[in-house]
Protein backbone atom coordinates (compact mmCIF):
# COMPACT_ATOMS: atom_id res chain seq x y z
CA UNK A 1 22.68 -42.38 196.81
CA UNK A 2 24.60 -44.60 199.11
CA UNK A 3 27.97 -43.12 199.97
CA UNK A 4 29.43 -46.53 199.35
CA UNK A 5 28.93 -46.03 195.90
CA UNK A 6 31.89 -43.38 195.62
CA UNK A 7 34.10 -45.31 197.75
CA UNK A 8 36.22 -46.47 194.57
CA UNK A 9 36.34 -43.09 193.36
CA UNK A 10 37.61 -41.36 196.14
CA UNK A 11 40.01 -44.19 196.64
CA UNK A 12 41.42 -43.28 193.33
CA UNK A 13 41.72 -39.59 193.56
CA UNK A 14 43.49 -40.04 197.08
CA UNK A 15 46.14 -42.50 195.28
CA UNK A 16 46.65 -39.74 192.56
CA UNK A 17 47.46 -37.30 195.19
CA UNK A 18 49.87 -39.61 196.71
CA UNK A 19 51.73 -40.33 193.01
CA UNK A 20 51.74 -36.67 192.30
CA UNK A 21 53.28 -35.99 195.74
CA UNK A 22 56.24 -38.21 194.67
CA UNK A 23 57.69 -36.68 191.52
CA UNK A 24 60.37 -38.58 189.83
CA UNK A 25 63.64 -36.85 189.86
CA UNK A 26 65.91 -36.33 186.64
CA UNK A 27 68.50 -38.94 186.04
CA UNK A 28 72.04 -39.17 184.57
CA UNK A 29 72.49 -35.55 185.14
CA UNK A 30 76.00 -34.42 183.80
CA UNK A 31 77.98 -31.20 182.96
CA UNK A 32 80.05 -30.10 179.90
CA UNK A 33 82.09 -27.17 180.58
CA UNK A 34 85.09 -26.36 177.97
CA UNK A 35 86.04 -23.36 176.30
CA UNK A 36 83.60 -21.28 178.32
CA UNK A 37 80.84 -23.04 176.80
CA UNK A 38 78.90 -24.81 179.68
CA UNK A 39 75.91 -27.37 179.08
CA UNK A 40 73.76 -29.22 181.69
CA UNK A 41 71.99 -32.35 180.76
CA UNK A 42 69.61 -34.99 182.17
CA UNK A 43 67.20 -37.85 181.51
CA UNK A 44 63.75 -38.25 182.70
CA UNK A 45 61.22 -40.83 182.29
CA UNK A 46 57.61 -39.74 181.42
CA UNK A 47 56.79 -36.42 180.59
CA UNK A 48 53.62 -35.50 182.35
CA UNK A 49 51.42 -32.18 181.52
CA UNK A 50 52.49 -29.52 184.16
CA UNK A 51 56.08 -30.77 184.54
CA UNK A 52 59.03 -28.15 184.45
CA UNK A 53 62.64 -28.32 185.43
CA UNK A 54 64.27 -26.27 187.79
CA UNK A 55 68.21 -25.62 187.54
CA UNK A 56 69.54 -24.70 190.93
CA UNK A 57 72.68 -22.53 190.90
CA UNK A 58 74.69 -21.62 193.63
CA UNK A 59 78.05 -20.03 194.05
CA UNK A 60 80.68 -18.70 196.59
CA UNK A 61 80.82 -15.23 195.45
CA UNK A 62 77.00 -14.55 194.55
CA UNK A 63 73.58 -15.60 196.32
CA UNK A 64 71.75 -18.68 194.84
CA UNK A 65 69.87 -18.32 191.72
CA UNK A 66 67.66 -20.46 189.37
CA UNK A 67 66.64 -21.02 185.91
CA UNK A 68 63.50 -22.77 184.35
CA UNK A 69 63.49 -25.07 181.44
CA UNK A 70 60.18 -26.50 179.76
CA UNK A 71 59.93 -30.01 178.45
CA UNK A 72 60.76 -31.63 176.10
CA UNK A 73 64.10 -29.95 176.43
CA UNK A 74 66.17 -31.62 178.96
CA UNK A 75 69.38 -29.48 178.88
CA UNK A 76 70.47 -26.08 180.04
CA UNK A 77 72.96 -23.89 178.77
CA UNK A 78 74.98 -22.01 181.75
CA UNK A 79 77.65 -20.60 179.74
CA UNK A 80 77.35 -17.50 181.84
CA UNK A 81 78.81 -19.30 184.95
CA UNK A 82 82.39 -19.03 183.70
CA UNK A 83 84.07 -16.41 185.90
CA UNK A 84 87.42 -17.84 186.65
CA UNK A 85 87.30 -15.97 190.06
CA UNK A 86 84.18 -17.88 191.25
CA UNK A 87 83.27 -21.86 191.95
CA UNK A 88 79.68 -22.64 191.35
CA UNK A 89 77.49 -25.60 192.46
CA UNK A 90 74.52 -26.58 190.45
CA UNK A 91 71.60 -29.32 190.08
CA UNK A 92 68.26 -30.16 188.66
CA UNK A 93 64.65 -30.75 190.24
CA UNK A 94 61.74 -31.79 188.66
CA UNK A 95 58.56 -29.69 189.57
CA UNK A 96 54.61 -30.45 188.84
CA UNK A 97 52.23 -27.76 190.43
CA UNK A 98 53.29 -27.47 194.08
CA UNK A 99 55.06 -30.64 193.99
CA UNK A 100 58.81 -31.36 193.29
CA UNK A 101 61.32 -33.78 193.22
CA UNK A 102 64.51 -34.33 195.07
CA UNK A 103 67.48 -32.41 193.30
CA UNK A 104 69.77 -34.49 191.25
CA UNK A 105 72.37 -35.50 191.41
CA UNK A 106 71.80 -35.55 195.36
CA UNK A 107 75.67 -34.25 195.98
CA UNK A 108 75.12 -31.50 193.27
CA UNK A 109 77.92 -30.65 190.77
CA UNK A 110 80.81 -28.39 191.63
CA UNK A 111 82.82 -26.70 188.79
CA UNK A 112 84.97 -23.76 188.36
CA UNK A 113 87.23 -22.47 185.39
CA UNK A 114 89.88 -21.37 188.41
CA UNK A 115 92.58 -23.75 187.99
CA UNK A 116 93.60 -23.89 191.58
CA UNK A 117 89.80 -24.33 192.92
CA UNK A 118 88.87 -26.94 195.57
CA UNK A 119 86.04 -28.13 193.17
CA UNK A 120 85.99 -31.77 192.12
CA UNK A 121 85.23 -30.42 188.31
CA UNK A 122 87.93 -28.00 186.74
CA UNK A 123 86.99 -26.51 183.18
CA UNK A 124 90.05 -25.75 180.87
CA UNK A 125 90.46 -23.66 177.62
CA UNK A 126 91.76 -25.25 174.38
CA UNK A 127 94.76 -23.19 172.93
CA UNK A 128 94.13 -21.75 169.52
CA UNK A 129 95.72 -23.61 166.52
CA UNK A 130 99.35 -24.21 166.90
CA UNK A 131 101.96 -24.05 164.04
CA UNK A 132 105.14 -26.00 164.43
CA UNK A 133 107.93 -25.59 161.85
CA UNK A 134 111.22 -27.10 161.34
CA UNK A 135 113.86 -24.67 161.17
CA UNK A 136 116.76 -26.88 160.72
CA UNK A 137 117.77 -30.14 162.08
CA UNK A 138 118.17 -28.78 165.73
CA UNK A 139 115.43 -26.04 166.23
CA UNK A 140 111.85 -25.87 165.77
CA UNK A 141 109.54 -22.83 165.80
CA UNK A 142 106.21 -22.95 167.83
CA UNK A 143 103.77 -19.96 166.97
CA UNK A 144 100.13 -19.70 167.85
CA UNK A 145 97.34 -16.81 168.61
CA UNK A 146 97.27 -15.26 172.06
CA UNK A 147 94.32 -17.15 173.51
CA UNK A 148 92.60 -13.98 174.83
CA UNK A 149 91.82 -12.83 171.52
CA UNK A 150 89.64 -15.93 171.30
CA UNK A 151 87.83 -16.06 174.51
CA UNK A 152 87.70 -12.13 175.58
CA UNK A 153 84.01 -11.93 173.87
CA UNK A 154 82.85 -14.77 176.16
CA UNK A 155 83.70 -12.93 179.32
CA UNK A 156 81.56 -9.35 179.17
CA UNK A 157 82.18 -9.20 183.04
CA UNK A 158 85.84 -8.57 182.29
CA UNK A 159 86.98 -4.96 181.85
CA UNK A 160 87.97 -4.07 178.38
CA UNK A 161 91.28 -3.30 177.83
CA UNK A 162 93.57 -2.91 174.58
CA UNK A 163 96.38 -4.42 176.32
CA UNK A 164 96.64 -8.19 176.29
CA UNK A 165 96.83 -10.08 179.45
CA UNK A 166 100.08 -12.06 180.11
CA UNK A 167 99.59 -15.63 178.97
CA UNK A 168 102.56 -17.93 180.72
CA UNK A 169 103.19 -21.01 179.06
CA UNK A 170 105.68 -23.76 178.41
CA UNK A 171 106.48 -26.11 175.56
CA UNK A 172 106.74 -30.07 176.17
CA UNK A 173 108.62 -32.06 173.83
CA UNK A 174 106.36 -35.34 173.90
CA UNK A 175 109.05 -37.85 172.31
CA UNK A 176 112.03 -36.29 174.64
CA UNK A 177 109.80 -36.01 177.77
CA UNK A 178 111.21 -32.42 178.40
CA UNK A 179 109.80 -29.29 178.52
CA UNK A 180 110.86 -25.47 178.33
CA UNK A 181 110.97 -23.25 180.95
CA UNK A 182 107.86 -21.15 181.31
CA UNK A 183 107.62 -18.13 178.74
CA UNK A 184 105.28 -14.85 179.13
CA UNK A 185 103.47 -13.68 175.69
CA UNK A 186 101.64 -10.19 175.60
CA UNK A 187 101.64 -10.05 171.70
CA UNK A 188 98.88 -11.02 169.45
CA UNK A 189 101.13 -13.91 168.30
CA UNK A 190 103.19 -15.96 170.52
CA UNK A 191 106.08 -17.70 169.30
CA UNK A 192 108.96 -19.74 170.58
CA UNK A 193 112.14 -21.32 169.37
CA UNK A 194 112.63 -24.67 170.86
CA UNK A 195 115.94 -26.74 170.61
CA UNK A 196 115.26 -30.58 169.88
CA UNK A 197 117.28 -33.63 169.39
CA UNK A 198 118.42 -33.94 165.72
CA UNK A 199 118.34 -37.75 165.91
CA UNK A 200 114.50 -37.75 166.58
CA UNK A 201 112.56 -38.55 163.38
CA UNK A 202 109.56 -36.73 164.46
CA UNK A 203 109.09 -33.49 166.64
CA UNK A 204 105.92 -33.30 168.54
CA UNK A 205 104.94 -30.79 171.27
CA UNK A 206 102.23 -29.99 173.53
CA UNK A 207 101.71 -26.41 175.00
CA UNK A 208 100.07 -25.93 178.40
CA UNK A 209 99.56 -22.48 179.91
CA UNK A 210 97.86 -20.09 182.49
CA UNK A 211 95.52 -17.06 181.24
CA UNK A 212 93.83 -15.02 183.92
CA UNK A 213 94.16 -18.42 186.40
CA UNK A 214 92.45 -20.49 183.59
CA UNK A 215 94.34 -23.47 182.29
CA UNK A 216 95.00 -23.40 178.75
CA UNK A 217 96.46 -26.15 176.89
CA UNK A 218 96.61 -27.81 173.53
CA UNK A 219 93.68 -30.84 172.88
CA UNK A 220 96.44 -33.16 171.47
CA UNK A 221 100.05 -32.97 170.37
CA UNK A 222 101.22 -31.24 167.22
CA UNK A 223 104.05 -32.46 165.07
CA UNK A 224 106.18 -30.70 162.75
CA UNK A 225 107.22 -31.72 159.39
CA UNK A 226 110.69 -33.48 158.97
CA UNK A 227 113.52 -31.13 157.75
CA UNK A 228 114.31 -30.91 154.45
CA UNK A 229 117.33 -29.56 152.87
CA UNK A 230 116.69 -26.93 150.22
CA UNK A 231 117.21 -27.64 146.56
CA UNK A 232 120.67 -26.90 145.14
CA UNK A 233 119.39 -24.79 142.25
CA UNK A 234 117.82 -22.31 144.72
CA UNK A 235 121.38 -21.69 146.09
CA UNK A 236 122.92 -20.84 142.55
CA UNK A 237 119.95 -18.78 141.77
CA UNK A 238 120.64 -16.67 144.90
CA UNK A 239 124.15 -16.58 144.37
CA UNK A 240 123.81 -15.27 141.02
CA UNK A 241 121.12 -12.77 141.71
CA UNK A 242 123.48 -11.28 144.64
CA UNK A 243 126.38 -11.10 141.96
CA UNK A 244 123.79 -9.27 139.51
CA UNK A 245 122.65 -6.86 142.06
CA UNK A 246 126.24 -6.15 143.40
CA UNK A 247 127.56 -5.50 139.76
CA UNK A 248 125.06 -3.00 139.07
CA UNK A 249 125.38 -1.05 142.28
CA UNK A 250 129.12 -1.05 141.53
CA UNK A 251 128.78 0.12 138.16
CA UNK A 252 126.40 2.71 139.28
CA UNK A 253 128.65 3.91 141.90
CA UNK A 254 131.79 3.96 139.39
CA UNK A 255 129.93 6.08 136.92
CA UNK A 256 128.90 8.51 139.78
CA UNK A 257 132.68 8.92 140.75
CA UNK A 258 133.90 9.41 137.21
CA UNK A 259 131.26 11.83 136.67
CA UNK A 260 132.21 13.85 139.81
CA UNK A 261 135.96 13.39 138.92
CA UNK A 262 135.82 14.00 135.24
CA UNK A 263 133.33 16.30 133.99
CA UNK A 264 133.64 15.29 130.30
CA UNK A 265 132.70 11.36 131.07
CA UNK A 266 129.38 11.16 129.79
CA UNK A 267 126.56 9.03 131.61
CA UNK A 268 125.06 6.10 129.56
CA UNK A 269 121.59 6.79 128.11
CA UNK A 270 119.67 4.38 130.09
CA UNK A 271 120.86 6.33 133.31
CA UNK A 272 119.96 9.64 132.23
CA UNK A 273 116.36 9.17 132.52
CA UNK A 274 116.71 9.66 136.41
CA UNK A 275 118.03 13.46 135.48
CA UNK A 276 115.26 14.63 133.58
CA UNK A 277 113.67 17.63 135.21
CA UNK A 278 116.43 17.96 137.63
CA UNK A 279 118.64 21.19 137.50
CA UNK A 280 122.13 20.86 136.69
CA UNK A 281 124.74 20.78 139.66
CA UNK A 282 127.57 23.28 139.75
CA UNK A 283 130.02 20.60 139.71
CA UNK A 284 128.79 19.72 136.14
CA UNK A 285 129.38 23.27 134.55
CA UNK A 286 131.74 23.91 132.48
CA UNK A 287 133.52 27.24 132.39
CA UNK A 288 133.12 29.30 129.09
CA UNK A 289 136.11 30.80 127.61
CA UNK A 290 135.68 33.87 125.56
CA UNK A 291 138.33 34.74 123.16
CA UNK A 292 138.22 38.19 121.64
CA UNK A 293 138.29 38.46 117.71
CA UNK A 294 141.49 40.46 116.65
CA UNK A 295 140.52 42.63 113.76
CA UNK A 296 143.40 44.40 111.78
CA UNK A 297 143.44 48.21 112.20
CA UNK A 298 144.50 48.60 108.38
CA UNK A 299 141.89 48.80 105.63
CA UNK A 300 141.19 46.20 103.13
CA UNK A 301 144.07 45.68 100.89
CA UNK A 302 143.45 46.21 96.91
CA UNK A 303 144.33 42.93 95.05
CA UNK A 304 147.63 44.18 94.03
CA UNK A 305 148.98 44.60 97.57
CA UNK A 306 147.57 41.20 99.03
CA UNK A 307 151.41 39.92 98.91
CA UNK A 308 152.49 42.97 101.12
CA UNK A 309 152.88 41.94 104.78
CA UNK A 310 151.28 44.13 107.38
CA UNK A 311 151.86 44.14 111.15
CA UNK A 312 148.72 44.37 113.44
CA UNK A 313 148.36 47.27 115.49
CA UNK A 314 150.23 46.84 118.97
CA UNK A 315 150.32 48.84 121.84
CA UNK A 316 153.98 48.23 122.13
CA UNK A 317 154.65 49.60 118.52
CA UNK A 318 154.07 53.18 118.75
CA UNK A 319 156.63 54.32 116.13
CA UNK A 320 154.78 53.48 113.12
CA UNK A 321 151.37 54.34 111.67
CA UNK A 322 148.82 51.36 111.31
CA UNK A 323 149.18 49.65 108.36
CA UNK A 324 152.52 50.74 107.02
CA UNK A 325 154.62 47.93 105.73
CA UNK A 326 157.66 46.59 107.66
CA UNK A 327 159.85 47.33 104.83
CA UNK A 328 159.16 50.86 104.76
CA UNK A 329 160.81 51.46 108.05
CA UNK A 330 164.05 52.45 106.77
CA UNK A 331 164.25 55.95 105.56
CA UNK A 332 160.72 56.72 105.88
CA UNK A 333 161.54 60.05 107.31
CA UNK A 334 163.91 61.13 104.43
CA UNK A 335 161.53 60.03 101.50
CA UNK A 336 158.13 61.02 103.07
CA UNK A 337 157.50 64.77 102.84
CA UNK A 338 154.35 66.70 103.75
CA UNK A 339 152.71 68.41 100.95
CA UNK A 340 151.58 71.86 101.36
CA UNK A 341 148.46 73.54 99.62
CA UNK A 342 150.75 75.34 96.66
CA UNK A 343 152.60 71.90 96.05
CA UNK A 344 149.44 69.87 95.78
CA UNK A 345 147.95 68.82 92.36
CA UNK A 346 144.67 70.30 94.00
CA UNK A 347 144.01 73.78 94.58
CA UNK A 348 141.29 75.72 96.35
CA UNK A 349 137.98 76.35 94.47
CA UNK A 350 138.61 79.97 94.43
CA UNK A 351 141.61 79.49 91.73
CA UNK A 352 139.70 77.15 89.48
CA UNK A 353 139.84 78.05 85.82
CA UNK A 354 136.98 77.41 83.14
CA UNK A 355 139.19 74.94 81.37
CA UNK A 356 140.42 72.85 84.24
CA UNK A 357 138.75 69.75 82.72
CA UNK A 358 135.58 69.67 85.13
CA UNK A 359 132.46 69.48 83.25
CA UNK A 360 129.98 72.05 84.18
CA UNK A 361 126.29 71.03 85.22
CA UNK A 362 123.20 72.87 85.21
CA UNK A 363 121.69 73.85 88.86
CA UNK A 364 118.02 73.02 89.08
CA UNK A 365 116.29 75.24 91.28
CA UNK A 366 112.86 73.83 92.54
């Protein structure tokens, strides 16, 4: 076979090798870095078999690194490049077999989250949701969550600490073209009372600060609602409530005072429930007075002698026998005589006569 027959085939294969050696580079390479979420995107013409994309990563503090992306994907998540103490250089290269394109963009992309870095691209963080409240006609209250509570999970390289890092920020009054002095916040909720011009119809603020050398700011100004006077009925309700509470407290104190100063004063029934099950205080015990009952020394008088007055037995009167009427005091010694055995109407048992008037009874012997 003549070699001239294969000349077109050899020429075609040589041309294919030259085309493959000139791999098309990616186009329109862009980087989005915000809130520690970094995405590198690019465009490419025709996706041929065996094509891959290599992401070239360089940094100041670390040696060069690379990451591979398989088509049809034309983007790479590089959120791990968010250390605020470092600056990064990134580009993309198309690779087919042993051949590769030039890096795109030619000058690479430099970026960093360090707000004072020399890189052309500086990434920032959004401040968490800001709440602005109008306190009165001349003051507003600005409150928001400490930004570290939102972004610390995206920085695994940072040492874990229960103490929040210092967030230094200032509040800008948009319509007044002024801003407050820098303020440090180390609490979970940062708040600041800001003085505003009362004549302004709307009060809008923008907050910007620094957290671990990173710039943190509001995405757009936040405005406060206009100040409204509280309804009049609320004032009356508050006044009446205060008066009722004061009256109840004063009444309770008065009853306690009366109870302590005058033991006879009784506490109303609706206050006695608190005293159930409690021991009685010594201050409320009344002394019991025992009055001895005086019993006359004289025996019970007969019906016919009820009109006679008797004097009670007294230690001071020792002259008279108990139960002797006072009228019998005179001549008592003259008229009263002591009877002897001979003059008594009764005699001893030995002198009794059979006919003495006593009935004899038989003695029963058992």
